[in-house]
PDB file of N, CA and C in Angstrom:
ATOM      1  N   UNK A   1      -5.652  11.352 -74.655  1.00  0.00           N
ATOM      2  CA  UNK A   1      -6.081  12.368 -73.710  1.00  0.00           C
ATOM      3  C   UNK A   1      -4.885  13.207 -73.314  1.00  0.00           C
ATOM      4  N   UNK A   2      -5.111  14.496 -73.215  1.00  0.00           N
ATOM      5  CA  UNK A   2      -4.035  15.390 -72.851  1.00  0.00           C
ATOM      6  C   UNK A   2      -4.285  16.065 -71.529  1.00  0.00           C
ATOM      7  N   UNK A   3      -3.315  16.852 -71.126  1.00  0.00           N
ATOM      8  CA  UNK A   3      -3.460  17.630 -69.902  1.00  0.00           C
ATOM      9  C   UNK A   3      -3.833  19.049 -70.271  1.00  0.00           C
ATOM     10  N   UNK A   4      -4.806  19.584 -69.568  1.00  0.00           N
ATOM     11  CA  UNK A   4      -5.269  20.947 -69.829  1.00  0.00           C
ATOM     12  C   UNK A   4      -4.259  21.947 -69.280  1.00  0.00           C
ATOM     13  N   UNK A   5      -3.813  22.850 -70.140  1.00  0.00           N
ATOM     14  CA  UNK A   5      -2.851  23.881 -69.746  1.00  0.00           C
ATOM     15  C   UNK A   5      -3.486  25.267 -69.739  1.00  0.00           C
ATOM     16  N   UNK A   6      -4.786  25.326 -70.095  1.00  0.00           N
ATOM     17  CA  UNK A   6      -5.514  26.590 -70.062  1.00  0.00           C
ATOM     18  C   UNK A   6      -6.963  26.294 -69.706  1.00  0.00           C
ATOM     19  N   UNK A   7      -7.670  27.325 -69.263  1.00  0.00           N
ATOM     20  CA  UNK A   7      -9.075  27.163 -68.902  1.00  0.00           C
ATOM     21  C   UNK A   7      -9.795  28.484 -69.142  1.00  0.00           C
ATOM     22  N   UNK A   8     -11.107  28.452 -68.926  1.00  0.00           N
ATOM     23  CA  UNK A   8     -11.901  29.680 -68.965  1.00  0.00           C
ATOM     24  C   UNK A   8     -12.039  30.198 -67.551  1.00  0.00           C
ATOM     25  N   UNK A   9     -11.881  31.506 -67.401  1.00  0.00           N
ATOM     26  CA  UNK A   9     -12.034  32.153 -66.106  1.00  0.00           C
ATOM     27  C   UNK A   9     -12.819  33.430 -66.350  1.00  0.00           C
ATOM     28  N   UNK A  10     -14.082  33.426 -65.928  1.00  0.00           N
ATOM     29  CA  UNK A  10     -14.986  34.550 -66.180  1.00  0.00           C
ATOM     30  C   UNK A  10     -15.014  34.928 -67.654  1.00  0.00           C
ATOM     31  N   UNK A  11     -15.093  33.898 -68.509  1.00  0.00           N
ATOM     32  CA  UNK A  11     -15.236  34.105 -69.944  1.00  0.00           C
ATOM     33  C   UNK A  11     -13.948  34.330 -70.716  1.00  0.00           C
ATOM     34  N   UNK A  12     -12.809  34.368 -70.035  1.00  0.00           N
ATOM     35  CA  UNK A  12     -11.525  34.591 -70.693  1.00  0.00           C
ATOM     36  C   UNK A  12     -10.663  33.334 -70.574  1.00  0.00           C
ATOM     37  N   UNK A  13      -9.908  33.033 -71.621  1.00  0.00           N
ATOM     38  CA  UNK A  13      -8.971  31.912 -71.580  1.00  0.00           C
ATOM     39  C   UNK A  13      -7.712  32.367 -70.848  1.00  0.00           C
ATOM     40  N   UNK A  14      -7.324  31.600 -69.823  1.00  0.00           N
ATOM     41  CA  UNK A  14      -6.096  31.908 -69.081  1.00  0.00           C
ATOM     42  C   UNK A  14      -5.237  30.652 -69.001  1.00  0.00           C
ATOM     43  N   UNK A  15      -3.950  30.851 -68.779  1.00  0.00           N
ATOM     44  CA  UNK A  15      -2.999  29.745 -68.674  1.00  0.00           C
ATOM     45  C   UNK A  15      -3.006  29.161 -67.265  1.00  0.00           C
ATOM     46  N   UNK A  16      -2.414  28.001 -67.131  1.00  0.00           N
ATOM     47  CA  UNK A  16      -2.290  27.370 -65.823  1.00  0.00           C
ATOM     48  C   UNK A  16      -1.474  28.249 -64.877  1.00  0.00           C
ATOM     49  N   UNK A  17      -0.440  28.892 -65.383  1.00  0.00           N
ATOM     50  CA  UNK A  17       0.377  29.762 -64.521  1.00  0.00           C
ATOM     51  C   UNK A  17      -0.439  30.928 -63.976  1.00  0.00           C
ATOM     52  N   UNK A  18      -1.269  31.524 -64.832  1.00  0.00           N
ATOM     53  CA  UNK A  18      -2.127  32.632 -64.388  1.00  0.00           C
ATOM     54  C   UNK A  18      -3.149  32.136 -63.377  1.00  0.00           C
ATOM     55  N   UNK A  19      -3.736  30.971 -63.619  1.00  0.00           N
ATOM     56  CA  UNK A  19      -4.728  30.410 -62.696  1.00  0.00           C
ATOM     57  C   UNK A  19      -4.111  30.116 -61.327  1.00  0.00           C
ATOM     58  N   UNK A  20      -2.913  29.566 -61.321  1.00  0.00           N
ATOM     59  CA  UNK A  20      -2.244  29.303 -60.046  1.00  0.00           C
ATOM     60  C   UNK A  20      -1.950  30.601 -59.312  1.00  0.00           C
ATOM     61  N   UNK A  21      -1.584  31.628 -60.050  1.00  0.00           N
ATOM     62  CA  UNK A  21      -1.329  32.937 -59.456  1.00  0.00           C
ATOM     63  C   UNK A  21      -2.609  33.532 -58.864  1.00  0.00           C
ATOM     64  N   UNK A  22      -3.701  33.434 -59.604  1.00  0.00           N
ATOM     65  CA  UNK A  22      -4.995  33.927 -59.114  1.00  0.00           C
ATOM     66  C   UNK A  22      -5.397  33.168 -57.851  1.00  0.00           C
ATOM     67  N   UNK A  23      -5.305  31.834 -57.917  1.00  0.00           N
ATOM     68  CA  UNK A  23      -5.678  31.005 -56.765  1.00  0.00           C
ATOM     69  C   UNK A  23      -4.830  31.337 -55.538  1.00  0.00           C
ATOM     70  N   UNK A  24      -3.516  31.428 -55.743  1.00  0.00           N
ATOM     71  CA  UNK A  24      -2.618  31.677 -54.621  1.00  0.00           C
ATOM     72  C   UNK A  24      -2.759  33.087 -54.065  1.00  0.00           C
ATOM     73  N   UNK A  25      -3.219  34.033 -54.894  1.00  0.00           N
ATOM     74  CA  UNK A  25      -3.407  35.408 -54.442  1.00  0.00           C
ATOM     75  C   UNK A  25      -4.729  35.646 -53.742  1.00  0.00           C
ATOM     76  N   UNK A  26      -5.656  34.704 -53.866  1.00  0.00           N
ATOM     77  CA  UNK A  26      -6.968  34.848 -53.229  1.00  0.00           C
ATOM     78  C   UNK A  26      -6.887  34.481 -51.752  1.00  0.00           C
ATOM     79  N   UNK A  27      -7.714  35.135 -50.958  1.00  0.00           N
ATOM     80  CA  UNK A  27      -7.769  34.778 -49.545  1.00  0.00           C
ATOM     81  C   UNK A  27      -8.421  33.401 -49.424  1.00  0.00           C
ATOM     82  N   UNK A  28      -8.113  32.674 -48.362  1.00  0.00           N
ATOM     83  CA  UNK A  28      -8.700  31.328 -48.214  1.00  0.00           C
ATOM     84  C   UNK A  28     -10.228  31.323 -48.299  1.00  0.00           C
ATOM     85  N   UNK A  29     -10.871  32.333 -47.762  1.00  0.00           N
ATOM     86  CA  UNK A  29     -12.335  32.353 -47.798  1.00  0.00           C
ATOM     87  C   UNK A  29     -12.895  32.685 -49.183  1.00  0.00           C
ATOM     88  N   UNK A  30     -12.073  33.234 -50.086  1.00  0.00           N
ATOM     89  CA  UNK A  30     -12.532  33.550 -51.435  1.00  0.00           C
ATOM     90  C   UNK A  30     -12.126  32.498 -52.477  1.00  0.00           C
ATOM     91  N   UNK A  31     -11.242  31.600 -52.114  1.00  0.00           N
ATOM     92  CA  UNK A  31     -10.787  30.587 -53.089  1.00  0.00           C
ATOM     93  C   UNK A  31     -11.929  29.718 -53.596  1.00  0.00           C
ATOM     94  N   UNK A  32     -12.894  29.415 -52.725  1.00  0.00           N
ATOM     95  CA  UNK A  32     -14.000  28.547 -53.142  1.00  0.00           C
ATOM     96  C   UNK A  32     -14.900  29.209 -54.184  1.00  0.00           C
ATOM     97  N   UNK A  33     -14.865  30.531 -54.276  1.00  0.00           N
ATOM     98  CA  UNK A  33     -15.722  31.230 -55.236  1.00  0.00           C
ATOM     99  C   UNK A  33     -15.054  31.417 -56.600  1.00  0.00           C
ATOM    100  N   UNK A  34     -13.786  31.043 -56.736  1.00  0.00           N
ATOM    101  CA  UNK A  34     -13.105  31.144 -58.025  1.00  0.00           C
ATOM    102  C   UNK A  34     -13.661  30.070 -58.955  1.00  0.00           C
ATOM    103  N   UNK A  35     -14.136  30.480 -60.103  1.00  0.00           N
ATOM    104  CA  UNK A  35     -14.751  29.538 -61.032  1.00  0.00           C
ATOM    105  C   UNK A  35     -13.876  29.368 -62.264  1.00  0.00           C
ATOM    106  N   UNK A  36     -13.107  28.276 -62.258  1.00  0.00           N
ATOM    107  CA  UNK A  36     -12.301  27.894 -63.416  1.00  0.00           C
ATOM    108  C   UNK A  36     -13.098  26.848 -64.173  1.00  0.00           C
ATOM    109  N   UNK A  37     -13.223  26.995 -65.505  1.00  0.00           N
ATOM    110  CA  UNK A  37     -13.991  26.056 -66.318  1.00  0.00           C
ATOM    111  C   UNK A  37     -13.108  25.449 -67.399  1.00  0.00           C
ATOM    112  N   UNK A  38     -13.307  24.168 -67.660  1.00  0.00           N
ATOM    113  CA  UNK A  38     -12.591  23.480 -68.736  1.00  0.00           C
ATOM    114  C   UNK A  38     -12.911  24.161 -70.057  1.00  0.00           C
ATOM    115  N   UNK A  39     -11.895  24.453 -70.843  1.00  0.00           N
ATOM    116  CA  UNK A  39     -12.139  25.122 -72.124  1.00  0.00           C
ATOM    117  C   UNK A  39     -12.665  24.158 -73.195  1.00  0.00           C
ATOM    118  N   UNK A  40     -12.695  22.864 -72.904  1.00  0.00           N
ATOM    119  CA  UNK A  40     -13.247  21.880 -73.846  1.00  0.00           C
ATOM    120  C   UNK A  40     -14.702  21.548 -73.540  1.00  0.00           C
ATOM    121  N   UNK A  41     -15.016  21.240 -72.265  1.00  0.00           N
ATOM    122  CA  UNK A  41     -16.367  20.782 -71.925  1.00  0.00           C
ATOM    123  C   UNK A  41     -17.160  21.774 -71.079  1.00  0.00           C
ATOM    124  N   UNK A  42     -16.502  22.780 -70.516  1.00  0.00           N
ATOM    125  CA  UNK A  42     -17.188  23.785 -69.719  1.00  0.00           C
ATOM    126  C   UNK A  42     -17.444  23.405 -68.269  1.00  0.00           C
ATOM    127  N   UNK A  43     -17.023  22.212 -67.865  1.00  0.00           N
ATOM    128  CA  UNK A  43     -17.228  21.767 -66.480  1.00  0.00           C
ATOM    129  C   UNK A  43     -16.173  22.386 -65.569  1.00  0.00           C
ATOM    130  N   UNK A  44     -16.471  22.500 -64.255  1.00  0.00           N
ATOM    131  CA  UNK A  44     -15.516  23.089 -63.315  1.00  0.00           C
ATOM    132  C   UNK A  44     -14.213  22.292 -63.215  1.00  0.00           C
ATOM    133  N   UNK A  45     -13.117  23.022 -63.169  1.00  0.00           N
ATOM    134  CA  UNK A  45     -11.788  22.440 -62.978  1.00  0.00           C
ATOM    135  C   UNK A  45     -11.065  23.215 -61.892  1.00  0.00           C
ATOM    136  N   UNK A  46      -9.975  22.652 -61.422  1.00  0.00           N
ATOM    137  CA  UNK A  46      -9.118  23.373 -60.476  1.00  0.00           C
ATOM    138  C   UNK A  46      -7.684  23.275 -60.963  1.00  0.00           C
ATOM    139  N   UNK A  47      -6.900  24.310 -60.708  1.00  0.00           N
ATOM    140  CA  UNK A  47      -5.495  24.244 -61.114  1.00  0.00           C
ATOM    141  C   UNK A  47      -4.698  23.357 -60.161  1.00  0.00           C
ATOM    142  N   UNK A  48      -3.831  22.571 -60.725  1.00  0.00           N
ATOM    143  CA  UNK A  48      -2.970  21.687 -59.932  1.00  0.00           C
ATOM    144  C   UNK A  48      -1.527  22.084 -60.198  1.00  0.00           C
ATOM    145  N   UNK A  49      -0.812  22.399 -59.148  1.00  0.00           N
ATOM    146  CA  UNK A  49       0.582  22.820 -59.266  1.00  0.00           C
ATOM    147  C   UNK A  49       1.456  21.636 -59.689  1.00  0.00           C
ATOM    148  N   UNK A  50       2.600  21.943 -60.263  1.00  0.00           N
ATOM    149  CA  UNK A  50       3.546  20.906 -60.675  1.00  0.00           C
ATOM    150  C   UNK A  50       4.073  20.165 -59.452  1.00  0.00           C
ATOM    151  N   UNK A  51       4.377  18.908 -59.665  1.00  0.00           N
ATOM    152  CA  UNK A  51       4.949  18.084 -58.609  1.00  0.00           C
ATOM    153  C   UNK A  51       6.115  17.284 -59.159  1.00  0.00           C
ATOM    154  N   UNK A  52       6.592  16.342 -58.376  1.00  0.00           N
ATOM    155  CA  UNK A  52       7.715  15.508 -58.809  1.00  0.00           C
ATOM    156  C   UNK A  52       7.373  14.639 -60.012  1.00  0.00           C
ATOM    157  N   UNK A  53       6.083  14.264 -60.150  1.00  0.00           N
ATOM    158  CA  UNK A  53       5.697  13.329 -61.198  1.00  0.00           C
ATOM    159  C   UNK A  53       4.777  13.922 -62.266  1.00  0.00           C
ATOM    160  N   UNK A  54       4.484  15.210 -62.197  1.00  0.00           N
ATOM    161  CA  UNK A  54       3.603  15.808 -63.195  1.00  0.00           C
ATOM    162  C   UNK A  54       3.878  17.300 -63.349  1.00  0.00           C
ATOM    163  N   UNK A  55       3.494  17.827 -64.496  1.00  0.00           N
ATOM    164  CA  UNK A  55       3.589  19.265 -64.750  1.00  0.00           C
ATOM    165  C   UNK A  55       2.298  19.916 -64.263  1.00  0.00           C
ATOM    166  N   UNK A  56       2.317  21.227 -64.115  1.00  0.00           N
ATOM    167  CA  UNK A  56       1.117  21.950 -63.703  1.00  0.00           C
ATOM    168  C   UNK A  56       0.040  21.785 -64.775  1.00  0.00           C
ATOM    169  N   UNK A  57      -1.203  21.564 -64.339  1.00  0.00           N
ATOM    170  CA  UNK A  57      -2.320  21.391 -65.266  1.00  0.00           C
ATOM    171  C   UNK A  57      -3.634  21.537 -64.504  1.00  0.00           C
ATOM    172  N   UNK A  58      -4.727  21.524 -65.238  1.00  0.00           N
ATOM    173  CA  UNK A  58      -6.055  21.591 -64.630  1.00  0.00           C
ATOM    174  C   UNK A  58      -6.629  20.190 -64.507  1.00  0.00           C
ATOM    175  N   UNK A  59      -7.383  19.950 -63.441  1.00  0.00           N
ATOM    176  CA  UNK A  59      -8.096  18.687 -63.250  1.00  0.00           C
ATOM    177  C   UNK A  59      -9.570  18.997 -63.033  1.00  0.00           C
ATOM    178  N   UNK A  60     -10.421  18.129 -63.545  1.00  0.00           N
ATOM    179  CA  UNK A  60     -11.855  18.290 -63.332  1.00  0.00           C
ATOM    180  C   UNK A  60     -12.188  18.068 -61.863  1.00  0.00           C
ATOM    181  N   UNK A  61     -13.095  18.870 -61.339  1.00  0.00           N
ATOM    182  CA  UNK A  61     -13.527  18.694 -59.954  1.00  0.00           C
ATOM    183  C   UNK A  61     -14.322  17.391 -59.841  1.00  0.00           C
ATOM    184  N   UNK A  62     -15.213  17.147 -60.816  1.00  0.00           N
ATOM    185  CA  UNK A  62     -15.925  15.877 -60.903  1.00  0.00           C
ATOM    186  C   UNK A  62     -15.519  15.217 -62.213  1.00  0.00           C
ATOM    187  N   UNK A  63     -15.236  13.946 -62.154  1.00  0.00           N
ATOM    188  CA  UNK A  63     -14.790  13.212 -63.343  1.00  0.00           C
ATOM    189  C   UNK A  63     -15.769  13.388 -64.503  1.00  0.00           C
ATOM    190  N   UNK A  64     -15.223  13.618 -65.685  1.00  0.00           N
ATOM    191  CA  UNK A  64     -16.025  13.758 -66.891  1.00  0.00           C
ATOM    192  C   UNK A  64     -15.383  12.901 -67.980  1.00  0.00           C
ATOM    193  N   UNK A  65     -15.781  11.635 -68.090  1.00  0.00           N
ATOM    194  CA  UNK A  65     -15.131  10.729 -69.040  1.00  0.00           C
ATOM    195  C   UNK A  65     -15.238  11.154 -70.496  1.00  0.00           C
ATOM    196  N   UNK A  66     -16.216  11.986 -70.846  1.00  0.00           N
ATOM    197  CA  UNK A  66     -16.368  12.423 -72.234  1.00  0.00           C
ATOM    198  C   UNK A  66     -15.390  13.528 -72.627  1.00  0.00           C
ATOM    199  N   UNK A  67     -14.769  14.180 -71.660  1.00  0.00           N
ATOM    200  CA  UNK A  67     -13.879  15.296 -71.961  1.00  0.00           C
ATOM    201  C   UNK A  67     -12.508  14.803 -72.430  1.00  0.00           C
ATOM    202  N   UNK A  68     -11.945  15.526 -73.389  1.00  0.00           N
ATOM    203  CA  UNK A  68     -10.615  15.186 -73.907  1.00  0.00           C
ATOM    204  C   UNK A  68      -9.521  15.357 -72.855  1.00  0.00           C
ATOM    205  N   UNK A  69      -9.798  16.152 -71.822  1.00  0.00           N
ATOM    206  CA  UNK A  69      -8.777  16.426 -70.812  1.00  0.00           C
ATOM    207  C   UNK A  69      -8.930  15.612 -69.533  1.00  0.00           C
ATOM    208  N   UNK A  70      -9.775  14.600 -69.530  1.00  0.00           N
ATOM    209  CA  UNK A  70      -9.916  13.764 -68.341  1.00  0.00           C
ATOM    210  C   UNK A  70      -8.703  12.847 -68.241  1.00  0.00           C
ATOM    211  N   UNK A  71      -8.105  12.822 -67.057  1.00  0.00           N
ATOM    212  CA  UNK A  71      -6.935  11.972 -66.858  1.00  0.00           C
ATOM    213  C   UNK A  71      -7.351  10.512 -66.743  1.00  0.00           C
ATOM    214  N   UNK A  72      -6.578   9.617 -67.321  1.00  0.00           N
ATOM    215  CA  UNK A  72      -6.883   8.185 -67.150  1.00  0.00           C
ATOM    216  C   UNK A  72      -6.608   7.758 -65.711  1.00  0.00           C
ATOM    217  N   UNK A  73      -7.243   6.680 -65.250  1.00  0.00           N
ATOM    218  CA  UNK A  73      -6.968   6.187 -63.892  1.00  0.00           C
ATOM    219  C   UNK A  73      -5.490   5.838 -63.744  1.00  0.00           C
ATOM    220  N   UNK A  74      -4.965   6.088 -62.567  1.00  0.00           N
ATOM    221  CA  UNK A  74      -3.553   5.795 -62.310  1.00  0.00           C
ATOM    222  C   UNK A  74      -3.412   4.533 -61.489  1.00  0.00           C
ATOM    223  N   UNK A  75      -2.377   3.799 -61.772  1.00  0.00           N
ATOM    224  CA  UNK A  75      -2.071   2.609 -60.977  1.00  0.00           C
ATOM    225  C   UNK A  75      -0.945   2.963 -60.022  1.00  0.00           C
ATOM    226  N   UNK A  76      -1.128   2.609 -58.775  1.00  0.00           N
ATOM    227  CA  UNK A  76      -0.105   2.899 -57.762  1.00  0.00           C
ATOM    228  C   UNK A  76       0.468   1.624 -57.215  1.00  0.00           C
TER     229      UNK A  76
END
């Protein structure tokens, strides 16, 4: 399983950097209407910014075990 670095946004493939820019440029009341879709399964995803332990990528809003981009469970 890999990490999604691109998604569909209104029918166009965009990168994680572009998605983060779109999300961050939207007003708080309009962020919920942004529809990012997984380019593999078509289910809704959200962009996740890079952190100390991961690179920027998309995550499914609802888990989809059949998708190639679903993250495995993490142990803490």
